[in-house]
Amino acid sequence: MKTIVILNSKGGVGKSNITRHLAVAAEQENPGTVVLCDTDPQSSLADWWNARSSEAPPLAVVGVAEFADKQPILASRFHYLFFDTAAADAKQYDEILKSSDLIVIPVVPSPDDVRSLNRLTLPVVKKSGRPFIFVLSKTRLATQLLISTMAALSEHGTVCQTIIQQREGYAKAAFAGSTLLEEEPSGKGAEEMRQLWSFVKSRIDEKTNSSITAKRLLHV
């Protein structure tokens, strides 16, 4: 199973939005291979999932402390696990990060966000020794702030060239328990997320396949 952790200690950077769109993109490509996990006390991902009409991708109820024990069960059923995290001390995810195949770090282009990242998130990520990428989130294109943020991040690691723009459609889709991949599949937002998934997939080792289908909420 490939574990993709979406992490940033700072809140409001679009972690849950990116998590659900990546998971749906992967599910659309390979039905039955994807599972979600939400560890954020705000339960943004779980609330979205509960509002959802579709049964896929399923949501696993797994606490941070339980993950090591539950991971083999999930690994026997799924090929991709998308792990949403809380706006909290990244150190609580130490063990999960060590078992991840890729850490996706959403960053809003602002000095405050970059400083917070350098102080709270990056040291923990680098200590894990696992591969990571930065994804610019909630952005406005062609701004000097975006360019300078990308330059600053590139000093620490790979910056995804697909930029997730600030779009009202993301919030509208979330309210309905959906994504732009489903609501506006031909739109620019959906294309952004498909490109992001393609890049994420290119960064993880694709040696195995899974075709096991799961239904609804998983209590593992």
N, C-alpha and C. Protein backbone atom coordinates (compact mmCIF):
# COMPACT_ATOMS: atom_id res chain seq x y z
N MET A 1 0.84 -1.20 0.00
CA MET A 1 0.00 0.00 0.00
C MET A 1 0.87 1.24 0.00
N LYS A 2 0.51 2.20 -0.80
CA LYS A 2 1.22 3.47 -0.86
C LYS A 2 0.52 4.48 0.04
N THR A 3 1.25 5.00 1.01
CA THR A 3 0.68 5.93 1.98
C THR A 3 1.13 7.35 1.64
N ILE A 4 0.17 8.19 1.35
CA ILE A 4 0.44 9.59 1.01
C ILE A 4 -0.11 10.44 2.15
N VAL A 5 0.78 11.13 2.85
CA VAL A 5 0.40 11.96 4.00
C VAL A 5 0.38 13.42 3.58
N ILE A 6 -0.74 14.09 3.83
CA ILE A 6 -0.86 15.52 3.52
C ILE A 6 -0.67 16.25 4.84
N LEU A 7 0.41 17.01 4.96
CA LEU A 7 0.86 17.52 6.25
C LEU A 7 1.26 18.98 6.18
N ASN A 8 0.83 19.74 7.18
CA ASN A 8 1.36 21.08 7.46
C ASN A 8 0.82 21.44 8.84
N SER A 9 1.69 21.86 9.74
CA SER A 9 1.25 22.19 11.09
C SER A 9 0.35 23.42 11.12
N LYS A 10 0.41 24.24 10.09
CA LYS A 10 -0.41 25.45 10.04
C LYS A 10 -1.78 25.11 9.46
N GLY A 11 -2.81 25.72 10.02
CA GLY A 11 -4.16 25.51 9.52
C GLY A 11 -4.47 26.41 8.33
N GLY A 12 -5.55 26.07 7.63
CA GLY A 12 -6.03 26.92 6.55
C GLY A 12 -5.21 26.89 5.28
N VAL A 13 -4.44 25.82 5.08
CA VAL A 13 -3.59 25.75 3.88
C VAL A 13 -4.18 24.87 2.79
N GLY A 14 -5.33 24.25 3.06
CA GLY A 14 -5.98 23.44 2.04
C GLY A 14 -5.67 21.96 2.10
N LYS A 15 -5.25 21.46 3.28
CA LYS A 15 -4.90 20.04 3.40
C LYS A 15 -6.08 19.13 3.04
N SER A 16 -7.23 19.39 3.64
CA SER A 16 -8.38 18.51 3.42
C SER A 16 -8.86 18.58 1.97
N ASN A 17 -8.84 19.77 1.40
CA ASN A 17 -9.25 19.92 0.01
C ASN A 17 -8.35 19.11 -0.92
N ILE A 18 -7.07 19.20 -0.71
CA ILE A 18 -6.13 18.45 -1.54
C ILE A 18 -6.26 16.95 -1.30
N THR A 19 -6.43 16.56 -0.03
CA THR A 19 -6.58 15.14 0.29
C THR A 19 -7.74 14.51 -0.45
N ARG A 20 -8.91 15.14 -0.35
CA ARG A 20 -10.10 14.53 -0.97
C ARG A 20 -10.03 14.54 -2.49
N HIS A 21 -9.43 15.58 -3.06
CA HIS A 21 -9.32 15.61 -4.52
C HIS A 21 -8.31 14.58 -5.03
N LEU A 22 -7.20 14.43 -4.34
CA LEU A 22 -6.24 13.40 -4.73
C LEU A 22 -6.87 12.00 -4.63
N ALA A 23 -7.61 11.78 -3.54
CA ALA A 23 -8.23 10.46 -3.34
C ALA A 23 -9.27 10.17 -4.41
N VAL A 24 -10.08 11.15 -4.74
CA VAL A 24 -11.10 10.94 -5.76
C VAL A 24 -10.45 10.75 -7.14
N ALA A 25 -9.39 11.51 -7.42
CA ALA A 25 -8.69 11.33 -8.69
C ALA A 25 -8.12 9.92 -8.81
N ALA A 26 -7.54 9.42 -7.71
CA ALA A 26 -7.00 8.06 -7.71
C ALA A 26 -8.11 7.03 -7.83
N GLU A 27 -9.23 7.28 -7.16
CA GLU A 27 -10.37 6.36 -7.21
C GLU A 27 -10.99 6.31 -8.60
N GLN A 28 -11.09 7.45 -9.26
CA GLN A 28 -11.63 7.47 -10.61
C GLN A 28 -10.73 6.69 -11.57
N GLU A 29 -9.45 6.75 -11.33
CA GLU A 29 -8.49 6.06 -12.20
C GLU A 29 -8.46 4.56 -11.93
N ASN A 30 -8.53 4.20 -10.65
CA ASN A 30 -8.47 2.78 -10.26
C ASN A 30 -9.51 2.51 -9.17
N PRO A 31 -10.77 2.27 -9.55
CA PRO A 31 -11.84 2.08 -8.57
C PRO A 31 -11.53 0.94 -7.59
N GLY A 32 -11.85 1.21 -6.31
CA GLY A 32 -11.68 0.20 -5.28
C GLY A 32 -10.31 0.10 -4.68
N THR A 33 -9.39 0.96 -5.07
CA THR A 33 -8.00 0.85 -4.59
C THR A 33 -7.65 1.89 -3.52
N VAL A 34 -8.59 2.77 -3.18
CA VAL A 34 -8.27 3.96 -2.39
C VAL A 34 -9.01 3.96 -1.06
N VAL A 35 -8.33 4.42 0.00
CA VAL A 35 -8.97 4.63 1.29
C VAL A 35 -8.47 5.96 1.86
N LEU A 36 -9.36 6.63 2.59
CA LEU A 36 -9.06 7.90 3.24
C LEU A 36 -8.91 7.69 4.74
N CYS A 37 -8.11 8.54 5.38
CA CYS A 37 -8.00 8.53 6.84
C CYS A 37 -7.93 9.97 7.33
N ASP A 38 -8.80 10.32 8.26
CA ASP A 38 -8.86 11.69 8.80
C ASP A 38 -8.48 11.67 10.27
N THR A 39 -7.43 12.39 10.63
CA THR A 39 -7.01 12.47 12.04
C THR A 39 -7.14 13.89 12.59
N ASP A 40 -7.77 14.78 11.82
CA ASP A 40 -7.94 16.16 12.25
C ASP A 40 -9.12 16.26 13.20
N PRO A 41 -8.93 16.78 14.45
CA PRO A 41 -10.05 16.94 15.39
C PRO A 41 -11.19 17.78 14.83
N GLN A 42 -10.90 18.66 13.88
CA GLN A 42 -11.95 19.44 13.25
C GLN A 42 -12.81 18.58 12.31
N SER A 43 -12.30 17.42 11.94
CA SER A 43 -13.04 16.43 11.14
C SER A 43 -13.55 16.97 9.81
N SER A 44 -12.79 17.84 9.19
CA SER A 44 -13.22 18.42 7.91
C SER A 44 -13.41 17.33 6.86
N LEU A 45 -12.46 16.40 6.79
CA LEU A 45 -12.55 15.34 5.80
C LEU A 45 -13.71 14.39 6.12
N ALA A 46 -13.87 14.04 7.38
CA ALA A 46 -14.96 13.14 7.78
C ALA A 46 -16.32 13.79 7.55
N ASP A 47 -16.43 15.08 7.85
CA ASP A 47 -17.70 15.79 7.61
C ASP A 47 -18.03 15.80 6.12
N TRP A 48 -17.01 16.04 5.29
CA TRP A 48 -17.20 15.99 3.85
C TRP A 48 -17.67 14.61 3.42
N TRP A 49 -17.03 13.58 3.95
CA TRP A 49 -17.36 12.21 3.58
C TRP A 49 -18.79 11.86 3.99
N ASN A 50 -19.20 12.32 5.17
CA ASN A 50 -20.56 12.04 5.65
C ASN A 50 -21.62 12.74 4.80
N ALA A 51 -21.26 13.85 4.16
CA ALA A 51 -22.19 14.56 3.29
C ALA A 51 -22.21 13.98 1.88
N ARG A 52 -21.36 13.02 1.65
CA ARG A 52 -21.14 12.49 0.31
C ARG A 52 -22.20 11.45 -0.06
N SER A 53 -22.65 11.46 -1.30
CA SER A 53 -23.62 10.47 -1.76
C SER A 53 -22.93 9.19 -2.25
N SER A 54 -21.73 9.32 -2.76
CA SER A 54 -21.00 8.16 -3.26
C SER A 54 -20.41 7.35 -2.11
N GLU A 55 -20.29 6.06 -2.31
CA GLU A 55 -19.68 5.18 -1.31
C GLU A 55 -18.16 5.09 -1.46
N ALA A 56 -17.62 5.75 -2.44
CA ALA A 56 -16.19 5.68 -2.68
C ALA A 56 -15.60 7.09 -2.82
N PRO A 57 -14.35 7.25 -2.38
CA PRO A 57 -13.54 6.27 -1.65
C PRO A 57 -13.99 6.15 -0.20
N PRO A 58 -13.80 4.99 0.42
CA PRO A 58 -14.22 4.80 1.82
C PRO A 58 -13.33 5.56 2.79
N LEU A 59 -13.87 5.76 3.99
CA LEU A 59 -13.14 6.44 5.06
C LEU A 59 -12.84 5.44 6.17
N ALA A 60 -11.58 5.33 6.56
CA ALA A 60 -11.18 4.44 7.65
C ALA A 60 -11.11 5.22 8.95
N VAL A 61 -11.68 4.63 10.00
CA VAL A 61 -11.63 5.24 11.33
C VAL A 61 -10.42 4.69 12.06
N VAL A 62 -9.33 5.44 12.03
CA VAL A 62 -8.06 5.00 12.62
C VAL A 62 -7.42 6.18 13.34
N GLY A 63 -7.16 6.05 14.63
CA GLY A 63 -6.47 7.08 15.38
C GLY A 63 -4.98 7.04 15.11
N VAL A 64 -4.30 8.13 15.41
CA VAL A 64 -2.86 8.20 15.18
C VAL A 64 -2.13 7.08 15.93
N ALA A 65 -2.52 6.87 17.20
CA ALA A 65 -1.85 5.85 18.01
C ALA A 65 -2.14 4.43 17.53
N GLU A 66 -3.22 4.25 16.79
CA GLU A 66 -3.61 2.92 16.31
C GLU A 66 -3.02 2.58 14.95
N PHE A 67 -2.45 3.54 14.28
CA PHE A 67 -2.11 3.36 12.88
C PHE A 67 -1.17 2.18 12.64
N ALA A 68 -0.15 2.04 13.47
CA ALA A 68 0.82 0.97 13.26
C ALA A 68 0.15 -0.40 13.30
N ASP A 69 -0.83 -0.57 14.18
CA ASP A 69 -1.53 -1.85 14.29
C ASP A 69 -2.51 -2.07 13.15
N LYS A 70 -3.14 -0.99 12.69
CA LYS A 70 -4.18 -1.11 11.67
C LYS A 70 -3.63 -1.09 10.24
N GLN A 71 -2.42 -0.59 10.07
CA GLN A 71 -1.87 -0.45 8.72
C GLN A 71 -1.85 -1.76 7.94
N PRO A 72 -1.45 -2.90 8.55
CA PRO A 72 -1.45 -4.15 7.77
C PRO A 72 -2.83 -4.55 7.25
N ILE A 73 -3.89 -4.23 8.01
CA ILE A 73 -5.24 -4.55 7.56
C ILE A 73 -5.60 -3.70 6.35
N LEU A 74 -5.30 -2.41 6.43
CA LEU A 74 -5.58 -1.53 5.30
C LEU A 74 -4.74 -1.93 4.09
N ALA A 75 -3.49 -2.29 4.35
CA ALA A 75 -2.59 -2.65 3.25
C ALA A 75 -3.06 -3.90 2.51
N SER A 76 -3.80 -4.76 3.20
CA SER A 76 -4.29 -5.98 2.56
C SER A 76 -5.49 -5.71 1.66
N ARG A 77 -6.10 -4.51 1.79
CA ARG A 77 -7.32 -4.21 1.04
C ARG A 77 -7.14 -3.13 -0.03
N PHE A 78 -6.15 -2.25 0.19
CA PHE A 78 -6.07 -1.07 -0.66
C PHE A 78 -4.65 -0.86 -1.20
N HIS A 79 -4.60 -0.07 -2.27
CA HIS A 79 -3.31 0.28 -2.86
C HIS A 79 -2.86 1.68 -2.46
N TYR A 80 -3.82 2.57 -2.21
CA TYR A 80 -3.49 3.95 -1.85
C TYR A 80 -4.21 4.36 -0.57
N LEU A 81 -3.47 4.91 0.36
CA LEU A 81 -4.05 5.53 1.56
C LEU A 81 -3.70 7.00 1.55
N PHE A 82 -4.72 7.86 1.62
CA PHE A 82 -4.52 9.31 1.70
C PHE A 82 -4.83 9.74 3.12
N PHE A 83 -3.83 10.28 3.78
CA PHE A 83 -3.87 10.53 5.21
C PHE A 83 -3.92 12.03 5.48
N ASP A 84 -5.08 12.54 5.91
CA ASP A 84 -5.23 13.96 6.25
C ASP A 84 -4.77 14.17 7.68
N THR A 85 -4.17 15.32 7.96
CA THR A 85 -3.61 15.59 9.28
C THR A 85 -4.16 16.89 9.85
N ALA A 86 -3.94 17.05 11.15
CA ALA A 86 -4.45 18.22 11.85
C ALA A 86 -3.49 19.40 11.77
N ALA A 87 -4.02 20.59 12.02
CA ALA A 87 -3.18 21.77 12.19
C ALA A 87 -2.66 21.73 13.62
N ALA A 88 -1.60 20.99 13.83
CA ALA A 88 -1.07 20.74 15.17
C ALA A 88 0.40 20.36 15.05
N ASP A 89 0.99 20.07 16.18
CA ASP A 89 2.41 19.70 16.21
C ASP A 89 2.64 18.49 15.30
N ALA A 90 3.47 18.66 14.30
CA ALA A 90 3.73 17.58 13.34
C ALA A 90 4.42 16.39 13.99
N LYS A 91 5.01 16.60 15.16
CA LYS A 91 5.74 15.51 15.82
C LYS A 91 4.83 14.34 16.17
N GLN A 92 3.53 14.60 16.35
CA GLN A 92 2.62 13.50 16.69
C GLN A 92 2.50 12.49 15.55
N TYR A 93 2.91 12.91 14.34
CA TYR A 93 2.83 12.04 13.18
C TYR A 93 4.17 11.38 12.84
N ASP A 94 5.12 11.42 13.76
CA ASP A 94 6.46 10.88 13.51
C ASP A 94 6.43 9.48 12.91
N GLU A 95 5.72 8.57 13.57
CA GLU A 95 5.73 7.17 13.13
C GLU A 95 5.01 6.99 11.80
N ILE A 96 3.94 7.73 11.60
CA ILE A 96 3.20 7.64 10.34
C ILE A 96 4.06 8.18 9.19
N LEU A 97 4.76 9.28 9.44
CA LEU A 97 5.63 9.84 8.41
C LEU A 97 6.73 8.85 8.01
N LYS A 98 7.26 8.14 8.97
CA LYS A 98 8.33 7.20 8.69
C LYS A 98 7.87 6.05 7.80
N SER A 99 6.56 5.76 7.83
CA SER A 99 6.03 4.66 7.01
C SER A 99 5.38 5.17 5.73
N SER A 100 5.47 6.47 5.48
CA SER A 100 4.82 7.04 4.30
C SER A 100 5.68 6.84 3.05
N ASP A 101 5.01 6.84 1.91
CA ASP A 101 5.71 6.78 0.62
C ASP A 101 5.96 8.17 0.06
N LEU A 102 5.10 9.12 0.47
CA LEU A 102 5.29 10.51 0.04
C LEU A 102 4.56 11.41 1.02
N ILE A 103 5.21 12.53 1.35
CA ILE A 103 4.59 13.56 2.19
C ILE A 103 4.30 14.76 1.30
N VAL A 104 3.04 15.14 1.23
CA VAL A 104 2.62 16.29 0.44
C VAL A 104 2.40 17.46 1.39
N ILE A 105 3.12 18.55 1.15
CA ILE A 105 3.04 19.72 2.05
C ILE A 105 2.39 20.89 1.31
N PRO A 106 1.10 21.14 1.56
CA PRO A 106 0.46 22.31 0.95
C PRO A 106 0.96 23.59 1.62
N VAL A 107 1.23 24.60 0.83
CA VAL A 107 1.73 25.87 1.36
C VAL A 107 1.00 27.03 0.68
N VAL A 108 0.45 27.92 1.49
CA VAL A 108 -0.13 29.15 0.97
C VAL A 108 1.01 30.16 0.78
N PRO A 109 1.09 30.82 -0.37
CA PRO A 109 2.19 31.75 -0.60
C PRO A 109 2.07 33.01 0.25
N SER A 110 2.73 32.98 1.40
CA SER A 110 2.79 34.16 2.27
C SER A 110 4.01 34.03 3.17
N PRO A 111 4.58 35.14 3.60
CA PRO A 111 5.73 35.06 4.50
C PRO A 111 5.42 34.33 5.80
N ASP A 112 4.23 34.56 6.36
CA ASP A 112 3.87 33.88 7.61
C ASP A 112 3.84 32.37 7.43
N ASP A 113 3.29 31.92 6.30
CA ASP A 113 3.20 30.48 6.07
C ASP A 113 4.56 29.85 5.87
N VAL A 114 5.45 30.53 5.16
CA VAL A 114 6.79 30.00 4.94
C VAL A 114 7.57 29.94 6.25
N ARG A 115 7.45 30.98 7.07
CA ARG A 115 8.15 30.99 8.37
C ARG A 115 7.63 29.87 9.27
N SER A 116 6.30 29.70 9.31
CA SER A 116 5.72 28.63 10.11
C SER A 116 6.18 27.26 9.62
N LEU A 117 6.24 27.10 8.31
CA LEU A 117 6.69 25.84 7.73
C LEU A 117 8.13 25.52 8.15
N ASN A 118 9.00 26.51 8.06
CA ASN A 118 10.40 26.32 8.41
C ASN A 118 10.59 25.98 9.89
N ARG A 119 9.72 26.53 10.72
CA ARG A 119 9.87 26.35 12.16
C ARG A 119 9.19 25.07 12.68
N LEU A 120 8.00 24.74 12.15
CA LEU A 120 7.19 23.69 12.76
C LEU A 120 7.09 22.39 11.95
N THR A 121 7.08 22.49 10.64
CA THR A 121 6.80 21.30 9.82
C THR A 121 8.05 20.70 9.19
N LEU A 122 8.85 21.51 8.56
CA LEU A 122 10.00 20.98 7.81
C LEU A 122 10.98 20.18 8.67
N PRO A 123 11.32 20.62 9.89
CA PRO A 123 12.25 19.82 10.68
C PRO A 123 11.74 18.40 10.93
N VAL A 124 10.45 18.26 11.17
CA VAL A 124 9.87 16.94 11.43
C VAL A 124 9.88 16.10 10.15
N VAL A 125 9.52 16.73 9.04
CA VAL A 125 9.49 16.02 7.75
C VAL A 125 10.90 15.55 7.37
N LYS A 126 11.87 16.42 7.49
CA LYS A 126 13.24 16.04 7.11
C LYS A 126 13.79 14.95 8.03
N LYS A 127 13.41 15.00 9.30
CA LYS A 127 13.87 13.98 10.25
C LYS A 127 13.32 12.60 9.88
N SER A 128 12.14 12.56 9.28
CA SER A 128 11.53 11.28 8.91
C SER A 128 12.32 10.55 7.83
N GLY A 129 13.05 11.30 7.02
CA GLY A 129 13.83 10.71 5.96
C GLY A 129 13.02 10.26 4.76
N ARG A 130 11.72 10.62 4.73
CA ARG A 130 10.86 10.19 3.65
C ARG A 130 10.76 11.26 2.56
N PRO A 131 10.45 10.87 1.32
CA PRO A 131 10.32 11.85 0.24
C PRO A 131 9.17 12.82 0.49
N PHE A 132 9.35 14.06 0.09
CA PHE A 132 8.28 15.04 0.25
C PHE A 132 8.28 16.03 -0.91
N ILE A 133 7.11 16.64 -1.11
CA ILE A 133 6.97 17.68 -2.13
C ILE A 133 6.16 18.83 -1.54
N PHE A 134 6.37 20.02 -2.10
CA PHE A 134 5.56 21.17 -1.75
C PHE A 134 4.51 21.41 -2.83
N VAL A 135 3.31 21.79 -2.41
CA VAL A 135 2.25 22.14 -3.35
C VAL A 135 1.72 23.51 -2.98
N LEU A 136 1.81 24.46 -3.90
CA LEU A 136 1.28 25.80 -3.66
C LEU A 136 -0.24 25.75 -3.70
N SER A 137 -0.88 26.23 -2.64
CA SER A 137 -2.31 26.08 -2.46
C SER A 137 -2.96 27.45 -2.22
N LYS A 138 -4.23 27.57 -2.65
CA LYS A 138 -5.00 28.80 -2.45
C LYS A 138 -4.27 30.01 -3.03
N THR A 139 -3.80 29.87 -4.23
CA THR A 139 -2.93 30.89 -4.82
C THR A 139 -3.66 31.77 -5.81
N ARG A 140 -3.01 32.88 -6.11
CA ARG A 140 -3.37 33.75 -7.23
C ARG A 140 -2.17 33.77 -8.16
N LEU A 141 -2.40 33.49 -9.42
CA LEU A 141 -1.30 33.36 -10.36
C LEU A 141 -0.63 34.69 -10.68
N ALA A 142 0.59 34.59 -11.19
CA ALA A 142 1.34 35.73 -11.71
C ALA A 142 1.54 36.84 -10.69
N THR A 143 1.75 36.46 -9.43
CA THR A 143 2.07 37.46 -8.41
C THR A 143 3.52 37.28 -7.97
N GLN A 144 4.13 38.36 -7.54
CA GLN A 144 5.51 38.30 -7.08
C GLN A 144 5.62 37.44 -5.84
N LEU A 145 4.58 37.46 -5.00
CA LEU A 145 4.59 36.66 -3.78
C LEU A 145 4.63 35.17 -4.12
N LEU A 146 3.88 34.77 -5.13
CA LEU A 146 3.90 33.36 -5.54
C LEU A 146 5.30 32.97 -6.03
N ILE A 147 5.90 33.81 -6.84
CA ILE A 147 7.23 33.52 -7.39
C ILE A 147 8.28 33.42 -6.28
N SER A 148 8.22 34.36 -5.34
CA SER A 148 9.22 34.36 -4.27
C SER A 148 9.02 33.18 -3.32
N THR A 149 7.76 32.77 -3.12
CA THR A 149 7.50 31.61 -2.27
C THR A 149 8.00 30.34 -2.91
N MET A 150 7.78 30.20 -4.21
CA MET A 150 8.29 29.02 -4.92
C MET A 150 9.81 28.96 -4.85
N ALA A 151 10.45 30.10 -4.98
CA ALA A 151 11.91 30.14 -4.91
C ALA A 151 12.41 29.74 -3.52
N ALA A 152 11.72 30.24 -2.48
CA ALA A 152 12.11 29.91 -1.11
C ALA A 152 11.94 28.42 -0.82
N LEU A 153 10.83 27.85 -1.29
CA LEU A 153 10.58 26.43 -1.05
C LEU A 153 11.55 25.55 -1.82
N SER A 154 11.92 25.96 -3.01
CA SER A 154 12.80 25.14 -3.84
C SER A 154 14.18 24.94 -3.21
N GLU A 155 14.54 25.79 -2.24
CA GLU A 155 15.80 25.61 -1.54
C GLU A 155 15.77 24.39 -0.61
N HIS A 156 14.55 23.94 -0.28
CA HIS A 156 14.39 22.82 0.66
C HIS A 156 13.97 21.52 0.00
N GLY A 157 13.35 21.59 -1.18
CA GLY A 157 12.88 20.37 -1.81
C GLY A 157 12.13 20.65 -3.10
N THR A 158 11.47 19.62 -3.60
CA THR A 158 10.77 19.70 -4.87
C THR A 158 9.46 20.45 -4.72
N VAL A 159 9.24 21.40 -5.61
CA VAL A 159 7.99 22.17 -5.65
C VAL A 159 7.19 21.70 -6.86
N CYS A 160 5.98 21.22 -6.63
CA CYS A 160 5.13 20.78 -7.74
C CYS A 160 4.80 21.97 -8.63
N GLN A 161 4.93 21.79 -9.92
CA GLN A 161 4.67 22.89 -10.85
C GLN A 161 3.17 23.12 -11.07
N THR A 162 2.34 22.17 -10.66
CA THR A 162 0.89 22.38 -10.69
C THR A 162 0.51 23.21 -9.48
N ILE A 163 -0.10 24.35 -9.72
CA ILE A 163 -0.47 25.29 -8.66
C ILE A 163 -1.97 25.24 -8.44
N ILE A 164 -2.36 25.05 -7.18
CA ILE A 164 -3.78 24.97 -6.84
C ILE A 164 -4.29 26.37 -6.54
N GLN A 165 -5.13 26.87 -7.43
CA GLN A 165 -5.61 28.24 -7.30
C GLN A 165 -6.76 28.35 -6.30
N GLN A 166 -6.98 29.56 -5.84
CA GLN A 166 -8.13 29.86 -4.98
C GLN A 166 -9.38 29.87 -5.85
N ARG A 167 -10.28 28.92 -5.61
CA ARG A 167 -11.49 28.80 -6.42
C ARG A 167 -12.71 28.61 -5.53
N GLU A 168 -13.76 29.37 -5.79
CA GLU A 168 -15.00 29.23 -5.04
C GLU A 168 -15.60 27.84 -5.22
N GLY A 169 -15.36 27.24 -6.39
CA GLY A 169 -15.92 25.92 -6.68
C GLY A 169 -15.49 24.84 -5.71
N TYR A 170 -14.28 24.96 -5.15
CA TYR A 170 -13.83 23.97 -4.18
C TYR A 170 -14.75 23.95 -2.95
N ALA A 171 -15.09 25.13 -2.45
CA ALA A 171 -15.95 25.22 -1.28
C ALA A 171 -17.36 24.73 -1.59
N LYS A 172 -17.87 25.09 -2.75
CA LYS A 172 -19.22 24.66 -3.14
C LYS A 172 -19.29 23.14 -3.25
N ALA A 173 -18.28 22.56 -3.86
CA ALA A 173 -18.26 21.11 -3.99
C ALA A 173 -18.13 20.43 -2.63
N ALA A 174 -17.30 20.98 -1.74
CA ALA A 174 -17.11 20.41 -0.42
C ALA A 174 -18.42 20.40 0.37
N PHE A 175 -19.20 21.45 0.24
CA PHE A 175 -20.47 21.55 0.95
C PHE A 175 -21.39 20.39 0.57
N ALA A 176 -21.30 19.96 -0.67
CA ALA A 176 -22.15 18.87 -1.16
C ALA A 176 -21.51 17.50 -1.00
N GLY A 177 -20.36 17.44 -0.34
CA GLY A 177 -19.67 16.17 -0.19
C GLY A 177 -19.10 15.67 -1.50
N SER A 178 -18.67 16.60 -2.33
CA SER A 178 -18.20 16.25 -3.66
C SER A 178 -16.86 16.92 -3.92
N THR A 179 -16.41 16.85 -5.17
CA THR A 179 -15.17 17.49 -5.60
C THR A 179 -15.39 18.11 -6.97
N LEU A 180 -14.48 18.95 -7.38
CA LEU A 180 -14.57 19.52 -8.72
C LEU A 180 -14.36 18.46 -9.80
N LEU A 181 -13.72 17.37 -9.44
CA LEU A 181 -13.55 16.27 -10.39
C LEU A 181 -14.90 15.66 -10.77
N GLU A 182 -15.85 15.78 -9.86
CA GLU A 182 -17.19 15.23 -10.09
C GLU A 182 -18.19 16.29 -10.52
N GLU A 183 -18.05 17.49 -9.96
CA GLU A 183 -19.00 18.56 -10.25
C GLU A 183 -18.70 19.28 -11.57
N GLU A 184 -17.42 19.50 -11.82
CA GLU A 184 -17.00 20.21 -13.03
C GLU A 184 -15.82 19.47 -13.65
N PRO A 185 -16.04 18.24 -14.14
CA PRO A 185 -14.92 17.40 -14.59
C PRO A 185 -14.11 17.98 -15.75
N SER A 186 -14.71 18.91 -16.51
CA SER A 186 -13.99 19.52 -17.62
C SER A 186 -13.41 20.88 -17.25
N GLY A 187 -13.60 21.30 -16.01
CA GLY A 187 -13.15 22.62 -15.58
C GLY A 187 -11.67 22.68 -15.24
N LYS A 188 -11.19 23.90 -15.02
CA LYS A 188 -9.77 24.11 -14.74
C LYS A 188 -9.36 23.54 -13.38
N GLY A 189 -10.27 23.64 -12.40
CA GLY A 189 -9.95 23.09 -11.08
C GLY A 189 -9.75 21.59 -11.12
N ALA A 190 -10.64 20.90 -11.85
CA ALA A 190 -10.51 19.45 -11.99
C ALA A 190 -9.21 19.08 -12.69
N GLU A 191 -8.86 19.86 -13.70
CA GLU A 191 -7.61 19.59 -14.42
C GLU A 191 -6.41 19.80 -13.52
N GLU A 192 -6.44 20.84 -12.68
CA GLU A 192 -5.36 21.05 -11.70
C GLU A 192 -5.15 19.81 -10.85
N MET A 193 -6.25 19.29 -10.32
CA MET A 193 -6.14 18.17 -9.40
C MET A 193 -5.72 16.89 -10.11
N ARG A 194 -6.14 16.70 -11.34
CA ARG A 194 -5.67 15.53 -12.09
C ARG A 194 -4.17 15.63 -12.34
N GLN A 195 -3.71 16.84 -12.66
CA GLN A 195 -2.27 17.05 -12.87
C GLN A 195 -1.49 16.81 -11.57
N LEU A 196 -2.06 17.27 -10.46
CA LEU A 196 -1.41 17.06 -9.17
C LEU A 196 -1.31 15.57 -8.86
N TRP A 197 -2.39 14.83 -9.07
CA TRP A 197 -2.37 13.40 -8.83
C TRP A 197 -1.34 12.72 -9.73
N SER A 198 -1.25 13.13 -10.98
CA SER A 198 -0.27 12.56 -11.89
C SER A 198 1.14 12.79 -11.37
N PHE A 199 1.39 13.98 -10.84
CA PHE A 199 2.72 14.28 -10.31
C PHE A 199 3.00 13.47 -9.04
N VAL A 200 2.01 13.39 -8.15
CA VAL A 200 2.17 12.60 -6.93
C VAL A 200 2.48 11.15 -7.28
N LYS A 201 1.73 10.62 -8.22
CA LYS A 201 1.93 9.24 -8.65
C LYS A 201 3.33 9.02 -9.21
N SER A 202 3.85 10.02 -9.89
CA SER A 202 5.19 9.90 -10.47
C SER A 202 6.27 9.89 -9.40
N ARG A 203 5.94 10.35 -8.20
CA ARG A 203 6.92 10.43 -7.12
C ARG A 203 6.92 9.20 -6.21
N ILE A 204 5.95 8.31 -6.40
CA ILE A 204 5.91 7.11 -5.57
C ILE A 204 6.16 5.88 -6.43
N ASP A 205 6.62 4.86 -5.80
CA ASP A 205 7.00 3.65 -6.51
C ASP A 205 5.76 2.86 -6.91
N GLU A 206 5.54 2.68 -8.20
CA GLU A 206 4.37 1.98 -8.71
C GLU A 206 4.73 0.55 -9.14
N LYS A 207 4.87 -0.33 -8.17
CA LYS A 207 5.26 -1.71 -8.52
C LYS A 207 4.12 -2.71 -8.36
N THR A 208 3.11 -2.33 -7.56
CA THR A 208 2.04 -3.28 -7.28
C THR A 208 0.70 -2.70 -7.65
N ASN A 209 -0.28 -3.55 -7.80
CA ASN A 209 -1.64 -3.13 -8.11
C ASN A 209 -2.60 -3.76 -7.12
N SER A 210 -3.74 -3.14 -6.96
CA SER A 210 -4.78 -3.67 -6.10
C SER A 210 -6.11 -3.51 -6.79
N SER A 211 -6.98 -4.47 -6.62
CA SER A 211 -8.29 -4.38 -7.25
C SER A 211 -9.42 -4.75 -6.31
N ILE A 212 -9.16 -4.64 -5.01
CA ILE A 212 -10.16 -5.03 -4.03
C ILE A 212 -11.08 -3.86 -3.75
N THR A 213 -12.36 -4.06 -3.84
CA THR A 213 -13.34 -3.02 -3.63
C THR A 213 -13.79 -3.00 -2.18
N ALA A 214 -13.94 -1.78 -1.62
CA ALA A 214 -14.43 -1.62 -0.25
C ALA A 214 -15.70 -0.80 -0.27
N LYS A 215 -16.51 -0.92 0.78
CA LYS A 215 -17.77 -0.20 0.83
C LYS A 215 -17.88 0.58 2.12
N ARG A 216 -18.31 1.81 2.00
CA ARG A 216 -18.67 2.68 3.11
C ARG A 216 -17.60 2.80 4.17
N LEU A 217 -18.00 3.17 5.37
CA LEU A 217 -17.09 3.45 6.47
C LEU A 217 -16.42 2.19 6.97
N LEU A 218 -15.12 2.24 7.14
CA LEU A 218 -14.39 1.07 7.58
C LEU A 218 -13.99 1.21 9.04
N HIS A 219 -14.38 0.25 9.86
CA HIS A 219 -13.93 0.19 11.24
C HIS A 219 -12.90 -0.94 11.32
N VAL A 220 -11.63 -0.54 11.30
CA VAL A 220 -10.58 -1.57 11.23
C VAL A 220 -9.84 -1.66 12.56
